[in-house]
């Protein structure tokens, strides 16, 4: 849950997941006051500056925050038995899309679905794989071997791009800017 408090120029953001909280405010004085108030109501421990939250590493860099799920990526690759796979330079094959009925059904449906779910969570810090993951997830009701191969292709791409994440910088603009680099170079299936 994301709770937002606004009063005049004061703004507080509280992000809550079960018993983990991220809290920030428009001023240090206001932040300290909110923390003190919460500590009077709840048993809380202030862990200081944000470094890790729900599998995401947070690094303070210059004028922003770099969000990464590097350990999460390594864990997914281990789970898929692909820790030593050959990296791939693109998350999707350049060939036409695979249809829902192509190929034999996969042997372990729950494992494929679990990996697809893990990749969906990874898109929070890796929007570059969002389209490829979405295309694989379209077939999770009846995953087939070509869908598993597409999922493995995404994992191979992740293997080669473990260092990537999302950089967040403060801005007064509400415009969303998106950049992409499509070089057409892929890797063999």
N, C-alpha and C. Protein backbone atom coordinates (compact mmCIF):
# COMPACT_ATOMS: atom_id res chain seq x y z
N UNK A 1 0.84 -1.18 0.00
CA UNK A 1 0.00 0.00 0.00
C UNK A 1 0.88 1.24 0.00
N UNK A 2 0.51 2.21 -0.78
CA UNK A 2 1.20 3.49 -0.79
C UNK A 2 0.25 4.52 -0.18
N UNK A 3 0.69 5.11 0.93
CA UNK A 3 -0.09 6.15 1.59
C UNK A 3 0.60 7.48 1.37
N UNK A 4 -0.17 8.50 0.99
CA UNK A 4 0.38 9.82 0.71
C UNK A 4 -0.34 10.84 1.58
N UNK A 5 0.45 11.65 2.27
CA UNK A 5 -0.09 12.74 3.09
C UNK A 5 0.39 14.06 2.50
N UNK A 6 -0.56 14.96 2.21
CA UNK A 6 -0.21 16.29 1.71
C UNK A 6 -0.93 17.33 2.55
N UNK A 7 -0.18 18.32 2.99
CA UNK A 7 -0.76 19.43 3.73
C UNK A 7 0.08 20.65 3.42
N UNK A 8 -0.46 21.57 2.63
CA UNK A 8 0.32 22.72 2.19
C UNK A 8 1.51 22.25 1.37
N UNK A 9 2.70 22.64 1.80
CA UNK A 9 3.91 22.21 1.08
C UNK A 9 4.50 20.93 1.67
N UNK A 10 3.90 20.42 2.75
CA UNK A 10 4.38 19.17 3.36
C UNK A 10 3.83 17.97 2.61
N UNK A 11 4.72 17.02 2.32
CA UNK A 11 4.32 15.78 1.65
C UNK A 11 5.04 14.63 2.34
N UNK A 12 4.29 13.55 2.60
CA UNK A 12 4.86 12.34 3.18
C UNK A 12 4.40 11.16 2.34
N UNK A 13 5.35 10.26 2.02
CA UNK A 13 5.03 9.02 1.31
C UNK A 13 5.39 7.86 2.23
N UNK A 14 4.45 6.95 2.44
CA UNK A 14 4.69 5.76 3.22
C UNK A 14 4.31 4.56 2.38
N UNK A 15 5.29 3.73 2.07
CA UNK A 15 5.07 2.51 1.30
C UNK A 15 5.13 1.35 2.28
N UNK A 16 4.06 0.56 2.34
CA UNK A 16 3.94 -0.50 3.33
C UNK A 16 3.69 -1.84 2.65
N UNK A 17 4.49 -2.84 3.04
CA UNK A 17 4.28 -4.20 2.58
C UNK A 17 4.45 -5.11 3.79
N UNK A 18 3.36 -5.67 4.28
CA UNK A 18 3.30 -6.51 5.47
C UNK A 18 3.91 -5.75 6.65
N UNK A 19 5.17 -6.05 7.02
CA UNK A 19 5.78 -5.33 8.14
C UNK A 19 7.02 -4.55 7.71
N UNK A 20 7.15 -4.31 6.42
CA UNK A 20 8.25 -3.50 5.89
C UNK A 20 7.70 -2.16 5.44
N UNK A 21 8.41 -1.09 5.81
CA UNK A 21 7.95 0.26 5.49
C UNK A 21 9.09 1.06 4.88
N UNK A 22 8.77 1.81 3.84
CA UNK A 22 9.65 2.85 3.33
C UNK A 22 8.92 4.16 3.60
N UNK A 23 9.64 5.10 4.18
CA UNK A 23 9.03 6.35 4.55
C UNK A 23 9.93 7.49 4.11
N UNK A 24 9.35 8.49 3.45
CA UNK A 24 10.10 9.69 3.07
C UNK A 24 9.16 10.89 3.18
N UNK A 25 9.76 12.06 3.32
CA UNK A 25 8.97 13.28 3.48
C UNK A 25 9.69 14.45 2.83
N UNK A 26 8.96 15.54 2.68
CA UNK A 26 9.50 16.71 2.01
C UNK A 26 10.53 17.46 2.84
N UNK A 27 10.64 17.15 4.13
CA UNK A 27 11.68 17.76 4.97
C UNK A 27 12.11 16.76 6.04
N UNK A 28 13.34 16.94 6.51
CA UNK A 28 13.86 16.07 7.57
C UNK A 28 13.06 16.25 8.85
N UNK A 29 12.68 17.48 9.17
CA UNK A 29 11.90 17.76 10.37
C UNK A 29 10.57 17.01 10.33
N UNK A 30 9.89 17.05 9.20
CA UNK A 30 8.61 16.36 9.06
C UNK A 30 8.81 14.84 9.13
N UNK A 31 9.84 14.34 8.50
CA UNK A 31 10.13 12.91 8.54
C UNK A 31 10.38 12.44 9.97
N UNK A 32 11.18 13.19 10.72
CA UNK A 32 11.45 12.83 12.12
C UNK A 32 10.17 12.84 12.95
N UNK A 33 9.31 13.82 12.72
CA UNK A 33 8.03 13.91 13.45
C UNK A 33 7.14 12.71 13.14
N UNK A 34 7.06 12.31 11.87
CA UNK A 34 6.24 11.15 11.48
C UNK A 34 6.79 9.87 12.09
N UNK A 35 8.11 9.69 12.06
CA UNK A 35 8.73 8.49 12.64
C UNK A 35 8.44 8.42 14.13
N UNK A 36 8.59 9.52 14.83
CA UNK A 36 8.32 9.56 16.28
C UNK A 36 6.87 9.21 16.56
N UNK A 37 5.96 9.76 15.78
CA UNK A 37 4.53 9.47 15.95
C UNK A 37 4.24 7.99 15.71
N UNK A 38 4.80 7.43 14.67
CA UNK A 38 4.59 6.01 14.38
C UNK A 38 5.18 5.12 15.47
N UNK A 39 6.35 5.50 15.99
CA UNK A 39 6.99 4.70 17.04
C UNK A 39 6.20 4.71 18.34
N UNK A 40 5.41 5.76 18.57
CA UNK A 40 4.53 5.79 19.76
C UNK A 40 3.36 4.83 19.61
N UNK A 41 2.96 4.56 18.37
CA UNK A 41 1.81 3.69 18.10
C UNK A 41 2.20 2.24 17.84
N UNK A 42 3.38 2.02 17.25
CA UNK A 42 3.80 0.69 16.81
C UNK A 42 5.23 0.41 17.27
N UNK A 43 5.52 -0.85 17.45
CA UNK A 43 6.89 -1.26 17.74
C UNK A 43 7.65 -1.24 16.41
N UNK A 44 8.56 -0.30 16.27
CA UNK A 44 9.26 -0.11 15.01
C UNK A 44 10.75 0.07 15.25
N UNK A 45 11.53 -0.32 14.27
CA UNK A 45 12.97 -0.10 14.30
C UNK A 45 13.34 0.69 13.05
N UNK A 46 13.96 1.83 13.24
CA UNK A 46 14.41 2.67 12.12
C UNK A 46 15.74 2.11 11.62
N UNK A 47 15.76 1.62 10.40
CA UNK A 47 16.97 1.04 9.82
C UNK A 47 17.79 2.07 9.06
N UNK A 48 17.37 3.32 9.11
CA UNK A 48 18.14 4.38 8.45
C UNK A 48 17.85 4.46 6.97
N UNK A 49 18.85 4.94 6.24
CA UNK A 49 18.71 5.15 4.80
C UNK A 49 18.40 3.84 4.08
N UNK A 50 17.54 3.92 3.09
CA UNK A 50 17.09 2.75 2.33
C UNK A 50 18.22 2.14 1.51
N UNK A 51 18.41 0.82 1.68
CA UNK A 51 19.42 0.08 0.90
C UNK A 51 18.84 -1.15 0.23
N UNK A 52 17.79 -1.72 0.82
CA UNK A 52 17.24 -2.97 0.31
C UNK A 52 15.76 -3.05 0.69
N UNK A 53 14.91 -3.43 -0.27
CA UNK A 53 13.48 -3.54 0.01
C UNK A 53 12.86 -4.54 -0.95
N UNK A 54 12.29 -5.60 -0.42
CA UNK A 54 11.57 -6.61 -1.20
C UNK A 54 12.38 -7.12 -2.40
N UNK A 55 13.61 -7.46 -2.16
CA UNK A 55 14.45 -8.01 -3.22
C UNK A 55 15.08 -6.98 -4.13
N UNK A 56 14.91 -5.71 -3.81
CA UNK A 56 15.49 -4.64 -4.63
C UNK A 56 16.59 -3.94 -3.87
N UNK A 57 17.76 -3.86 -4.51
CA UNK A 57 18.85 -3.09 -3.93
C UNK A 57 18.65 -1.63 -4.33
N UNK A 58 18.92 -0.74 -3.39
CA UNK A 58 18.80 0.70 -3.63
C UNK A 58 20.17 1.32 -3.37
N UNK A 59 20.74 1.91 -4.41
CA UNK A 59 22.04 2.57 -4.28
C UNK A 59 21.85 4.06 -4.50
N UNK A 60 22.37 4.86 -3.59
CA UNK A 60 22.31 6.31 -3.72
C UNK A 60 23.48 6.73 -4.60
N UNK A 61 23.17 7.28 -5.77
CA UNK A 61 24.19 7.67 -6.74
C UNK A 61 23.95 9.12 -7.16
N UNK A 62 24.90 9.95 -6.87
CA UNK A 62 24.79 11.34 -7.31
C UNK A 62 23.47 11.97 -6.94
N UNK A 63 22.70 12.30 -7.95
CA UNK A 63 21.43 12.99 -7.72
C UNK A 63 20.22 12.06 -7.80
N UNK A 64 20.41 10.77 -7.57
CA UNK A 64 19.27 9.87 -7.68
C UNK A 64 19.48 8.53 -6.99
N UNK A 65 18.57 7.64 -7.26
CA UNK A 65 18.59 6.29 -6.70
C UNK A 65 18.67 5.28 -7.84
N UNK A 66 19.57 4.32 -7.72
CA UNK A 66 19.66 3.24 -8.69
C UNK A 66 19.02 2.01 -8.07
N UNK A 67 17.96 1.51 -8.71
CA UNK A 67 17.25 0.32 -8.23
C UNK A 67 17.67 -0.88 -9.07
N UNK A 68 18.04 -1.94 -8.39
CA UNK A 68 18.49 -3.15 -9.06
C UNK A 68 17.99 -4.37 -8.31
N UNK A 69 17.83 -5.45 -9.02
CA UNK A 69 17.45 -6.72 -8.42
C UNK A 69 18.51 -7.77 -8.77
N UNK A 70 19.77 -7.39 -8.66
CA UNK A 70 20.85 -8.25 -9.13
C UNK A 70 20.84 -9.62 -8.44
N UNK A 71 20.73 -9.66 -7.12
CA UNK A 71 20.72 -10.96 -6.44
C UNK A 71 19.49 -11.76 -6.83
N UNK A 72 18.36 -11.08 -7.00
CA UNK A 72 17.13 -11.74 -7.43
C UNK A 72 17.32 -12.38 -8.81
N UNK A 73 18.01 -11.68 -9.71
CA UNK A 73 18.29 -12.22 -11.05
C UNK A 73 19.14 -13.47 -10.96
N UNK A 74 20.18 -13.41 -10.13
CA UNK A 74 21.06 -14.56 -9.94
C UNK A 74 20.26 -15.75 -9.39
N UNK A 75 19.38 -15.46 -8.44
CA UNK A 75 18.54 -16.52 -7.85
C UNK A 75 17.61 -17.16 -8.88
N UNK A 76 17.03 -16.35 -9.76
CA UNK A 76 16.16 -16.88 -10.82
C UNK A 76 16.96 -17.79 -11.75
N UNK A 77 18.13 -17.33 -12.14
CA UNK A 77 18.98 -18.13 -13.03
C UNK A 77 19.37 -19.45 -12.36
N UNK A 78 19.69 -19.41 -11.09
CA UNK A 78 20.00 -20.65 -10.35
C UNK A 78 18.79 -21.59 -10.33
N UNK A 79 17.63 -21.03 -10.03
CA UNK A 79 16.40 -21.83 -9.96
C UNK A 79 16.10 -22.50 -11.30
N UNK A 80 16.42 -21.82 -12.38
CA UNK A 80 16.16 -22.34 -13.72
C UNK A 80 17.32 -23.21 -14.23
N UNK A 81 18.34 -23.41 -13.39
CA UNK A 81 19.53 -24.17 -13.77
C UNK A 81 20.21 -23.54 -14.99
N UNK A 82 20.25 -22.19 -14.99
CA UNK A 82 20.84 -21.45 -16.10
C UNK A 82 21.92 -20.47 -15.64
N UNK A 83 22.48 -20.70 -14.47
CA UNK A 83 23.50 -19.80 -13.93
C UNK A 83 24.71 -19.70 -14.85
N UNK A 84 25.00 -20.75 -15.59
CA UNK A 84 26.17 -20.75 -16.48
C UNK A 84 25.78 -20.73 -17.95
N UNK A 85 24.59 -20.25 -18.24
CA UNK A 85 24.13 -20.23 -19.64
C UNK A 85 24.89 -19.18 -20.45
N UNK A 86 24.83 -19.33 -21.76
CA UNK A 86 25.44 -18.37 -22.68
C UNK A 86 24.51 -17.15 -22.76
N UNK A 87 25.04 -15.95 -22.45
CA UNK A 87 24.20 -14.74 -22.52
C UNK A 87 23.71 -14.46 -23.93
N UNK A 88 22.65 -13.71 -24.00
CA UNK A 88 21.99 -13.34 -25.23
C UNK A 88 21.88 -11.81 -25.27
N UNK A 89 21.96 -11.19 -26.43
CA UNK A 89 21.94 -9.73 -26.50
C UNK A 89 20.55 -9.13 -26.65
N UNK A 90 19.53 -9.95 -26.89
CA UNK A 90 18.15 -9.45 -26.97
C UNK A 90 17.24 -10.42 -26.23
N UNK A 91 16.14 -9.92 -25.65
CA UNK A 91 15.26 -10.81 -24.90
C UNK A 91 14.29 -11.62 -25.76
N UNK A 92 14.14 -11.27 -27.02
CA UNK A 92 13.22 -12.01 -27.89
C UNK A 92 13.91 -12.39 -29.19
N UNK A 93 13.42 -13.47 -29.76
CA UNK A 93 13.90 -13.95 -31.05
C UNK A 93 13.28 -13.07 -32.13
N UNK A 94 13.99 -12.85 -33.20
CA UNK A 94 13.48 -12.01 -34.29
C UNK A 94 12.47 -12.74 -35.17
N UNK A 95 12.30 -14.04 -34.97
CA UNK A 95 11.33 -14.80 -35.76
C UNK A 95 9.91 -14.45 -35.33
N UNK A 96 8.93 -14.81 -36.16
CA UNK A 96 7.53 -14.51 -35.80
C UNK A 96 7.14 -15.13 -34.46
N UNK A 97 6.10 -14.56 -33.86
CA UNK A 97 5.60 -15.04 -32.58
C UNK A 97 5.17 -16.49 -32.66
N UNK A 98 5.30 -17.17 -31.54
CA UNK A 98 4.88 -18.56 -31.43
C UNK A 98 3.39 -18.57 -31.10
N UNK A 99 2.67 -19.45 -31.73
CA UNK A 99 1.23 -19.51 -31.46
C UNK A 99 0.97 -20.33 -30.20
N UNK A 100 -0.24 -20.26 -29.72
CA UNK A 100 -0.64 -20.95 -28.49
C UNK A 100 -0.58 -22.46 -28.63
N UNK A 101 -0.77 -23.00 -29.82
CA UNK A 101 -0.87 -24.46 -30.00
C UNK A 101 0.42 -25.10 -30.51
N UNK A 102 1.45 -24.32 -30.81
CA UNK A 102 2.70 -24.89 -31.34
C UNK A 102 3.46 -25.65 -30.26
N UNK A 103 4.01 -26.79 -30.62
CA UNK A 103 4.89 -27.54 -29.74
C UNK A 103 4.18 -28.42 -28.73
N UNK A 104 4.97 -29.26 -28.10
CA UNK A 104 4.45 -30.18 -27.09
C UNK A 104 4.27 -29.43 -25.77
N UNK A 105 3.30 -29.87 -24.96
CA UNK A 105 3.15 -29.26 -23.62
C UNK A 105 4.43 -29.46 -22.79
N UNK A 106 4.73 -28.51 -21.92
CA UNK A 106 5.93 -28.64 -21.09
C UNK A 106 5.70 -29.70 -20.02
N UNK A 107 6.79 -30.32 -19.59
CA UNK A 107 6.70 -31.40 -18.60
C UNK A 107 6.35 -30.87 -17.21
N UNK A 108 6.93 -29.73 -16.81
CA UNK A 108 6.70 -29.21 -15.47
C UNK A 108 6.05 -27.83 -15.57
N UNK A 109 4.74 -27.81 -15.65
CA UNK A 109 3.98 -26.56 -15.83
C UNK A 109 4.21 -25.60 -14.66
N UNK A 110 4.19 -26.11 -13.43
CA UNK A 110 4.32 -25.21 -12.28
C UNK A 110 5.68 -24.53 -12.24
N UNK A 111 6.74 -25.21 -12.66
CA UNK A 111 8.07 -24.60 -12.69
C UNK A 111 8.13 -23.48 -13.73
N UNK A 112 7.54 -23.72 -14.89
CA UNK A 112 7.52 -22.69 -15.95
C UNK A 112 6.72 -21.48 -15.49
N UNK A 113 5.58 -21.71 -14.88
CA UNK A 113 4.76 -20.60 -14.38
C UNK A 113 5.48 -19.82 -13.28
N UNK A 114 6.19 -20.54 -12.42
CA UNK A 114 6.93 -19.90 -11.34
C UNK A 114 8.04 -19.01 -11.91
N UNK A 115 8.74 -19.48 -12.92
CA UNK A 115 9.78 -18.66 -13.56
C UNK A 115 9.18 -17.45 -14.26
N UNK A 116 8.03 -17.64 -14.91
CA UNK A 116 7.36 -16.52 -15.58
C UNK A 116 6.94 -15.47 -14.54
N UNK A 117 6.42 -15.92 -13.39
CA UNK A 117 6.05 -15.00 -12.31
C UNK A 117 7.27 -14.23 -11.81
N UNK A 118 8.38 -14.94 -11.65
CA UNK A 118 9.61 -14.30 -11.18
C UNK A 118 10.08 -13.23 -12.17
N UNK A 119 9.97 -13.52 -13.45
CA UNK A 119 10.35 -12.54 -14.46
C UNK A 119 9.40 -11.34 -14.46
N UNK A 120 8.12 -11.58 -14.17
CA UNK A 120 7.19 -10.45 -14.06
C UNK A 120 7.62 -9.50 -12.95
N UNK A 121 8.01 -10.04 -11.80
CA UNK A 121 8.46 -9.19 -10.70
C UNK A 121 9.74 -8.45 -11.08
N UNK A 122 10.57 -9.07 -11.86
CA UNK A 122 11.82 -8.45 -12.29
C UNK A 122 11.59 -7.22 -13.17
N UNK A 123 10.45 -7.14 -13.85
CA UNK A 123 10.19 -6.00 -14.73
C UNK A 123 10.08 -4.67 -13.99
N UNK A 124 9.96 -4.70 -12.65
CA UNK A 124 9.95 -3.44 -11.88
C UNK A 124 11.24 -2.66 -12.09
N UNK A 125 12.35 -3.38 -12.16
CA UNK A 125 13.63 -2.70 -12.37
C UNK A 125 14.22 -3.00 -13.75
N UNK A 126 13.51 -3.79 -14.54
CA UNK A 126 13.97 -4.14 -15.87
C UNK A 126 12.83 -3.99 -16.88
N UNK A 127 12.40 -2.76 -17.13
CA UNK A 127 11.31 -2.56 -18.09
C UNK A 127 11.67 -3.01 -19.51
N UNK A 128 12.96 -3.19 -19.79
CA UNK A 128 13.40 -3.64 -21.11
C UNK A 128 12.94 -5.06 -21.43
N UNK A 129 12.57 -5.84 -20.41
CA UNK A 129 12.10 -7.21 -20.67
C UNK A 129 10.59 -7.33 -20.58
N UNK A 130 9.89 -6.23 -20.30
CA UNK A 130 8.45 -6.28 -20.05
C UNK A 130 7.67 -6.88 -21.22
N UNK A 131 7.97 -6.47 -22.44
CA UNK A 131 7.23 -6.99 -23.59
C UNK A 131 7.47 -8.48 -23.76
N UNK A 132 8.72 -8.90 -23.68
CA UNK A 132 9.05 -10.32 -23.86
C UNK A 132 8.38 -11.17 -22.78
N UNK A 133 8.41 -10.69 -21.54
CA UNK A 133 7.78 -11.43 -20.44
C UNK A 133 6.27 -11.50 -20.66
N UNK A 134 5.68 -10.40 -21.07
CA UNK A 134 4.23 -10.38 -21.32
C UNK A 134 3.85 -11.38 -22.40
N UNK A 135 4.66 -11.49 -23.45
CA UNK A 135 4.37 -12.44 -24.53
C UNK A 135 4.43 -13.88 -24.03
N UNK A 136 5.37 -14.19 -23.17
CA UNK A 136 5.46 -15.54 -22.59
C UNK A 136 4.27 -15.79 -21.67
N UNK A 137 3.92 -14.80 -20.87
CA UNK A 137 2.82 -14.96 -19.90
C UNK A 137 1.47 -15.16 -20.56
N UNK A 138 1.33 -14.74 -21.80
CA UNK A 138 0.07 -14.97 -22.52
C UNK A 138 -0.26 -16.46 -22.64
N UNK A 139 0.75 -17.31 -22.52
CA UNK A 139 0.57 -18.74 -22.76
C UNK A 139 0.70 -19.59 -21.49
N UNK A 140 0.64 -18.96 -20.32
CA UNK A 140 0.85 -19.71 -19.09
C UNK A 140 -0.34 -20.59 -18.70
N UNK A 141 -1.48 -20.42 -19.35
CA UNK A 141 -2.61 -21.31 -19.10
C UNK A 141 -2.33 -22.70 -19.69
N UNK A 142 -1.50 -22.76 -20.74
CA UNK A 142 -1.14 -24.03 -21.38
C UNK A 142 0.25 -23.90 -22.00
N UNK A 143 1.29 -23.79 -21.15
CA UNK A 143 2.64 -23.56 -21.69
C UNK A 143 3.16 -24.75 -22.48
N UNK A 144 3.80 -24.42 -23.59
CA UNK A 144 4.34 -25.44 -24.49
C UNK A 144 5.84 -25.21 -24.64
N UNK A 145 6.52 -26.16 -25.24
CA UNK A 145 7.98 -26.10 -25.37
C UNK A 145 8.48 -24.80 -26.01
N UNK A 146 7.85 -24.31 -27.08
CA UNK A 146 8.33 -23.04 -27.65
C UNK A 146 8.20 -21.86 -26.66
N UNK A 147 7.19 -21.91 -25.79
CA UNK A 147 7.03 -20.85 -24.78
C UNK A 147 8.14 -20.97 -23.74
N UNK A 148 8.50 -22.20 -23.37
CA UNK A 148 9.61 -22.42 -22.45
C UNK A 148 10.91 -21.93 -23.08
N UNK A 149 11.10 -22.17 -24.37
CA UNK A 149 12.31 -21.69 -25.05
C UNK A 149 12.35 -20.16 -25.06
N UNK A 150 11.20 -19.53 -25.24
CA UNK A 150 11.13 -18.06 -25.21
C UNK A 150 11.47 -17.55 -23.81
N UNK A 151 11.00 -18.24 -22.79
CA UNK A 151 11.30 -17.88 -21.42
C UNK A 151 12.81 -18.03 -21.15
N UNK A 152 13.39 -19.11 -21.64
CA UNK A 152 14.83 -19.32 -21.48
C UNK A 152 15.63 -18.25 -22.22
N UNK A 153 15.13 -17.79 -23.34
CA UNK A 153 15.79 -16.73 -24.08
C UNK A 153 15.85 -15.46 -23.23
N UNK A 154 14.75 -15.14 -22.55
CA UNK A 154 14.73 -13.97 -21.68
C UNK A 154 15.76 -14.15 -20.56
N UNK A 155 15.82 -15.34 -19.99
CA UNK A 155 16.79 -15.62 -18.93
C UNK A 155 18.23 -15.47 -19.43
N UNK A 156 18.48 -15.88 -20.66
CA UNK A 156 19.82 -15.72 -21.23
C UNK A 156 20.16 -14.24 -21.40
N UNK A 157 19.16 -13.45 -21.78
CA UNK A 157 19.35 -12.01 -21.90
C UNK A 157 19.63 -11.41 -20.52
N UNK A 158 18.88 -11.82 -19.52
CA UNK A 158 19.09 -11.35 -18.15
C UNK A 158 20.51 -11.69 -17.69
N UNK A 159 20.96 -12.89 -18.01
CA UNK A 159 22.32 -13.31 -17.64
C UNK A 159 23.37 -12.34 -18.16
N UNK A 160 23.20 -11.85 -19.35
CA UNK A 160 24.16 -10.92 -19.94
C UNK A 160 23.99 -9.48 -19.52
N UNK A 161 22.94 -9.19 -18.76
CA UNK A 161 22.65 -7.81 -18.37
C UNK A 161 22.38 -7.70 -16.87
N UNK A 162 23.09 -8.49 -16.08
CA UNK A 162 22.87 -8.51 -14.63
C UNK A 162 23.08 -7.14 -13.99
N UNK A 163 23.92 -6.31 -14.56
CA UNK A 163 24.26 -5.01 -14.00
C UNK A 163 23.18 -3.94 -14.22
N UNK A 164 22.20 -4.21 -15.06
CA UNK A 164 21.20 -3.20 -15.39
C UNK A 164 20.14 -3.04 -14.30
N UNK A 165 19.56 -1.86 -14.25
CA UNK A 165 18.49 -1.54 -13.30
C UNK A 165 17.82 -0.27 -13.76
N UNK A 166 17.21 0.44 -12.82
CA UNK A 166 16.50 1.68 -13.14
C UNK A 166 17.08 2.80 -12.29
N UNK A 167 17.37 3.92 -12.93
CA UNK A 167 17.87 5.11 -12.23
C UNK A 167 16.72 6.08 -12.05
N UNK A 168 16.45 6.46 -10.81
CA UNK A 168 15.39 7.43 -10.51
C UNK A 168 16.03 8.73 -10.06
N UNK A 169 15.65 9.83 -10.71
CA UNK A 169 16.16 11.15 -10.36
C UNK A 169 15.01 12.08 -10.05
N UNK A 170 15.22 12.99 -9.13
CA UNK A 170 14.15 13.96 -8.85
C UNK A 170 13.91 14.85 -10.05
N UNK A 171 12.66 15.24 -10.24
CA UNK A 171 12.31 16.09 -11.36
C UNK A 171 11.04 16.86 -11.04
N UNK A 172 10.96 18.06 -11.52
CA UNK A 172 9.74 18.84 -11.35
C UNK A 172 8.76 18.53 -12.48
N UNK A 173 9.25 17.88 -13.52
CA UNK A 173 8.42 17.55 -14.67
C UNK A 173 7.60 16.29 -14.39
N UNK A 174 6.40 16.25 -14.92
CA UNK A 174 5.58 15.05 -14.80
C UNK A 174 5.57 14.26 -16.10
N UNK A 175 6.42 14.68 -17.06
CA UNK A 175 6.52 13.96 -18.33
C UNK A 175 7.32 12.68 -18.13
N UNK A 176 6.92 11.63 -18.83
CA UNK A 176 7.63 10.36 -18.78
C UNK A 176 8.45 10.23 -20.05
N UNK A 177 9.75 10.06 -19.88
CA UNK A 177 10.65 9.88 -21.02
C UNK A 177 11.08 8.43 -21.06
N UNK A 178 11.04 7.82 -22.24
CA UNK A 178 11.42 6.43 -22.40
C UNK A 178 12.48 6.35 -23.49
N UNK A 179 13.51 5.56 -23.25
CA UNK A 179 14.58 5.36 -24.20
C UNK A 179 14.73 3.88 -24.46
N UNK A 180 15.11 3.53 -25.66
CA UNK A 180 15.34 2.13 -25.98
C UNK A 180 16.51 2.03 -26.94
N UNK A 181 17.15 0.88 -26.90
CA UNK A 181 18.25 0.62 -27.82
C UNK A 181 18.00 -0.73 -28.46
N UNK A 182 17.52 -0.69 -29.68
CA UNK A 182 17.25 -1.93 -30.41
C UNK A 182 18.29 -2.02 -31.50
N UNK A 183 19.23 -2.94 -31.35
CA UNK A 183 20.31 -3.01 -32.32
C UNK A 183 20.14 -4.17 -33.29
N UNK A 184 19.11 -5.00 -33.09
CA UNK A 184 18.86 -6.08 -34.02
C UNK A 184 19.76 -7.29 -33.86
N UNK A 185 20.82 -7.14 -33.03
CA UNK A 185 21.71 -8.29 -32.82
C UNK A 185 21.09 -9.23 -31.81
N UNK A 186 21.05 -10.47 -32.13
CA UNK A 186 20.45 -11.44 -31.22
C UNK A 186 21.43 -12.52 -30.90
N UNK A 187 20.91 -13.64 -30.54
CA UNK A 187 21.75 -14.81 -30.32
C UNK A 187 20.99 -16.00 -30.87
N UNK A 188 21.70 -17.00 -31.24
CA UNK A 188 21.03 -18.18 -31.81
C UNK A 188 20.16 -18.87 -30.77
N UNK A 189 19.13 -19.53 -31.26
CA UNK A 189 18.25 -20.26 -30.34
C UNK A 189 18.95 -21.36 -29.72
